[in-house]
Amino acid sequence: MWKEKEGKLVKDYTFNSFREAIDFINGVAELCERENHHPEIHNVYNRLTLTFCTHDAGDAITEKDFLLTRLIDQLI
C-alpha cells in the first residue's frame, strides 16, 4: 500500500532476489519513461523503495504521482 510520508507517496517492496527487484525496477522504468514522470528509487539487494512527488509542482503530490502509482501496482 502506498503511504504519504513527508509530502511524498512511498511504497516498500521485498522480492525473493536481487534479480527480481531489478526486473521490477526495469518495468517501473518503462512506465515512467512512457509517462515522463520518474520516482526516487532506492534498492538494497532484494528490498526496494519507490518515492513519488512532482518536482515541477514544488515537490507536491499531484495526479501524475497517483497515475504512476496505479500503473505500478498493476505490474505485480
N, C-alpha and C. Protein backbone atom coordinates (compact mmCIF):
# COMPACT_ATOMS: atom_id res chain seq x y z
N MET A 1 0.83 -1.17 0.00
CA MET A 1 0.00 0.00 0.00
C MET A 1 0.89 1.26 0.00
N TRP A 2 0.53 2.19 -0.84
CA TRP A 2 1.24 3.46 -0.90
C TRP A 2 0.88 4.29 0.32
N LYS A 3 1.89 4.94 0.89
CA LYS A 3 1.68 5.78 2.07
C LYS A 3 2.17 7.19 1.77
N GLU A 4 1.50 8.15 2.35
CA GLU A 4 2.00 9.52 2.26
C GLU A 4 2.97 9.73 3.41
N LYS A 5 4.20 10.11 3.06
CA LYS A 5 5.25 10.29 4.05
C LYS A 5 6.05 11.53 3.68
N GLU A 6 6.04 12.50 4.56
CA GLU A 6 6.79 13.74 4.35
C GLU A 6 6.42 14.39 3.01
N GLY A 7 5.13 14.37 2.68
CA GLY A 7 4.65 15.02 1.47
C GLY A 7 4.93 14.27 0.18
N LYS A 8 5.26 12.98 0.29
CA LYS A 8 5.53 12.16 -0.90
C LYS A 8 4.77 10.84 -0.78
N LEU A 9 4.53 10.20 -1.91
CA LEU A 9 3.95 8.86 -1.92
C LEU A 9 5.09 7.84 -1.91
N VAL A 10 5.03 6.90 -0.97
CA VAL A 10 6.13 5.96 -0.75
C VAL A 10 5.58 4.54 -0.64
N LYS A 11 6.31 3.61 -1.25
CA LYS A 11 5.96 2.19 -1.10
C LYS A 11 7.23 1.36 -1.03
N ASP A 12 7.25 0.41 -0.09
CA ASP A 12 8.37 -0.51 0.07
C ASP A 12 7.99 -1.87 -0.51
N TYR A 13 8.96 -2.51 -1.11
CA TYR A 13 8.78 -3.84 -1.70
C TYR A 13 9.90 -4.74 -1.21
N THR A 14 9.60 -6.03 -1.08
CA THR A 14 10.62 -7.04 -0.82
C THR A 14 10.42 -8.17 -1.84
N PHE A 15 11.49 -8.52 -2.51
CA PHE A 15 11.46 -9.56 -3.53
C PHE A 15 12.27 -10.76 -3.06
N ASN A 16 12.20 -11.84 -3.80
CA ASN A 16 12.94 -13.05 -3.44
C ASN A 16 14.42 -12.96 -3.74
N SER A 17 14.80 -12.04 -4.62
CA SER A 17 16.20 -11.94 -5.00
C SER A 17 16.49 -10.54 -5.56
N PHE A 18 17.76 -10.26 -5.70
CA PHE A 18 18.19 -9.01 -6.32
C PHE A 18 17.69 -8.95 -7.76
N ARG A 19 17.79 -10.06 -8.48
CA ARG A 19 17.35 -10.12 -9.88
C ARG A 19 15.87 -9.75 -10.01
N GLU A 20 15.02 -10.28 -9.13
CA GLU A 20 13.60 -9.94 -9.17
C GLU A 20 13.37 -8.45 -8.91
N ALA A 21 14.12 -7.89 -7.98
CA ALA A 21 14.00 -6.46 -7.69
C ALA A 21 14.38 -5.64 -8.92
N ILE A 22 15.46 -6.01 -9.57
CA ILE A 22 15.93 -5.27 -10.75
C ILE A 22 14.94 -5.43 -11.91
N ASP A 23 14.40 -6.61 -12.09
CA ASP A 23 13.39 -6.80 -13.14
C ASP A 23 12.19 -5.89 -12.90
N PHE A 24 11.76 -5.79 -11.66
CA PHE A 24 10.65 -4.90 -11.32
C PHE A 24 11.03 -3.44 -11.59
N ILE A 25 12.22 -3.05 -11.19
CA ILE A 25 12.69 -1.67 -11.45
C ILE A 25 12.66 -1.39 -12.94
N ASN A 26 13.08 -2.34 -13.75
CA ASN A 26 13.06 -2.14 -15.20
C ASN A 26 11.64 -1.94 -15.73
N GLY A 27 10.69 -2.68 -15.18
CA GLY A 27 9.29 -2.49 -15.56
C GLY A 27 8.78 -1.12 -15.15
N VAL A 28 9.15 -0.68 -13.95
CA VAL A 28 8.78 0.66 -13.48
C VAL A 28 9.40 1.71 -14.39
N ALA A 29 10.65 1.50 -14.78
CA ALA A 29 11.33 2.47 -15.64
C ALA A 29 10.61 2.64 -16.97
N GLU A 30 10.14 1.54 -17.55
CA GLU A 30 9.41 1.64 -18.81
C GLU A 30 8.14 2.47 -18.66
N LEU A 31 7.38 2.22 -17.61
CA LEU A 31 6.17 3.01 -17.37
C LEU A 31 6.49 4.49 -17.17
N CYS A 32 7.50 4.75 -16.38
CA CYS A 32 7.85 6.13 -16.06
C CYS A 32 8.37 6.88 -17.27
N GLU A 33 9.12 6.22 -18.10
CA GLU A 33 9.59 6.86 -19.34
C GLU A 33 8.41 7.20 -20.24
N ARG A 34 7.47 6.26 -20.35
CA ARG A 34 6.29 6.49 -21.18
C ARG A 34 5.47 7.68 -20.68
N GLU A 35 5.36 7.81 -19.36
CA GLU A 35 4.57 8.88 -18.76
C GLU A 35 5.40 10.15 -18.50
N ASN A 36 6.71 10.08 -18.72
CA ASN A 36 7.62 11.18 -18.47
C ASN A 36 7.49 11.72 -17.04
N HIS A 37 7.49 10.79 -16.10
CA HIS A 37 7.41 11.13 -14.68
C HIS A 37 8.17 10.06 -13.92
N HIS A 38 9.13 10.45 -13.10
CA HIS A 38 10.09 9.50 -12.57
C HIS A 38 10.17 9.54 -11.04
N PRO A 39 10.28 8.36 -10.41
CA PRO A 39 10.36 8.29 -8.95
C PRO A 39 11.80 8.36 -8.46
N GLU A 40 11.93 8.52 -7.17
CA GLU A 40 13.19 8.24 -6.50
C GLU A 40 13.18 6.73 -6.26
N ILE A 41 14.28 6.07 -6.56
CA ILE A 41 14.37 4.62 -6.41
C ILE A 41 15.53 4.30 -5.47
N HIS A 42 15.23 3.53 -4.44
CA HIS A 42 16.27 3.09 -3.51
C HIS A 42 16.22 1.58 -3.46
N ASN A 43 17.32 0.93 -3.82
CA ASN A 43 17.37 -0.53 -3.89
C ASN A 43 18.56 -1.04 -3.10
N VAL A 44 18.31 -1.99 -2.20
CA VAL A 44 19.36 -2.70 -1.49
C VAL A 44 19.02 -4.18 -1.59
N TYR A 45 19.83 -4.89 -2.35
CA TYR A 45 19.66 -6.31 -2.64
C TYR A 45 18.23 -6.60 -3.10
N ASN A 46 17.39 -7.19 -2.24
CA ASN A 46 16.04 -7.56 -2.67
C ASN A 46 14.97 -6.58 -2.14
N ARG A 47 15.41 -5.50 -1.53
CA ARG A 47 14.47 -4.51 -0.98
C ARG A 47 14.49 -3.25 -1.84
N LEU A 48 13.32 -2.71 -2.05
CA LEU A 48 13.17 -1.57 -2.94
C LEU A 48 12.18 -0.59 -2.32
N THR A 49 12.49 0.69 -2.43
CA THR A 49 11.55 1.74 -2.04
C THR A 49 11.39 2.69 -3.21
N LEU A 50 10.12 2.96 -3.57
CA LEU A 50 9.80 3.95 -4.60
C LEU A 50 9.17 5.15 -3.92
N THR A 51 9.56 6.34 -4.35
CA THR A 51 9.04 7.58 -3.78
C THR A 51 8.65 8.51 -4.91
N PHE A 52 7.42 9.02 -4.85
CA PHE A 52 6.92 9.92 -5.88
C PHE A 52 6.50 11.26 -5.30
N CYS A 53 6.84 12.31 -6.01
CA CYS A 53 6.27 13.64 -5.86
C CYS A 53 6.55 14.35 -7.19
N THR A 54 5.90 15.47 -7.40
CA THR A 54 6.08 16.18 -8.67
C THR A 54 6.96 17.39 -8.42
N HIS A 55 8.19 17.31 -8.90
CA HIS A 55 9.16 18.38 -8.67
C HIS A 55 8.71 19.70 -9.29
N ASP A 56 8.07 19.63 -10.47
CA ASP A 56 7.60 20.85 -11.14
C ASP A 56 6.48 21.55 -10.38
N ALA A 57 5.88 20.84 -9.42
CA ALA A 57 4.78 21.42 -8.63
C ALA A 57 5.26 21.71 -7.20
N GLY A 58 6.54 21.99 -7.07
CA GLY A 58 7.08 22.30 -5.75
C GLY A 58 7.19 21.09 -4.84
N ASP A 59 7.46 19.92 -5.43
CA ASP A 59 7.58 18.66 -4.70
C ASP A 59 6.29 18.24 -4.01
N ALA A 60 5.16 18.63 -4.58
CA ALA A 60 3.86 18.23 -4.05
C ALA A 60 3.41 16.94 -4.73
N ILE A 61 2.44 16.27 -4.12
CA ILE A 61 1.82 15.11 -4.73
C ILE A 61 0.74 15.60 -5.69
N THR A 62 0.81 15.11 -6.93
CA THR A 62 -0.16 15.53 -7.94
C THR A 62 -0.79 14.30 -8.59
N GLU A 63 -1.71 14.54 -9.51
CA GLU A 63 -2.36 13.45 -10.23
C GLU A 63 -1.34 12.60 -10.98
N LYS A 64 -0.23 13.20 -11.45
CA LYS A 64 0.82 12.42 -12.12
C LYS A 64 1.32 11.31 -11.20
N ASP A 65 1.50 11.64 -9.93
CA ASP A 65 2.01 10.65 -8.97
C ASP A 65 1.00 9.54 -8.74
N PHE A 66 -0.27 9.91 -8.58
CA PHE A 66 -1.31 8.90 -8.37
C PHE A 66 -1.46 8.01 -9.61
N LEU A 67 -1.35 8.58 -10.80
CA LEU A 67 -1.42 7.78 -12.02
C LEU A 67 -0.31 6.74 -12.06
N LEU A 68 0.92 7.17 -11.81
CA LEU A 68 2.04 6.22 -11.87
C LEU A 68 1.94 5.17 -10.80
N THR A 69 1.49 5.52 -9.60
CA THR A 69 1.37 4.50 -8.56
C THR A 69 0.33 3.46 -8.93
N ARG A 70 -0.76 3.88 -9.57
CA ARG A 70 -1.77 2.91 -10.02
C ARG A 70 -1.20 2.00 -11.10
N LEU A 71 -0.46 2.57 -12.04
CA LEU A 71 0.14 1.76 -13.11
C LEU A 71 1.17 0.77 -12.54
N ILE A 72 1.96 1.22 -11.60
CA ILE A 72 2.97 0.36 -10.99
C ILE A 72 2.31 -0.77 -10.23
N ASP A 73 1.21 -0.48 -9.54
CA ASP A 73 0.51 -1.54 -8.81
C ASP A 73 0.03 -2.64 -9.73
N GLN A 74 -0.20 -2.34 -10.98
CA GLN A 74 -0.65 -3.35 -11.94
C GLN A 74 0.48 -4.27 -12.40
N LEU A 75 1.73 -3.89 -12.14
CA LEU A 75 2.87 -4.73 -12.53
C LEU A 75 2.98 -5.99 -11.68
N ILE A 76 2.47 -5.93 -10.46
CA ILE A 76 2.63 -7.07 -9.54
C ILE A 76 1.40 -7.93 -9.55
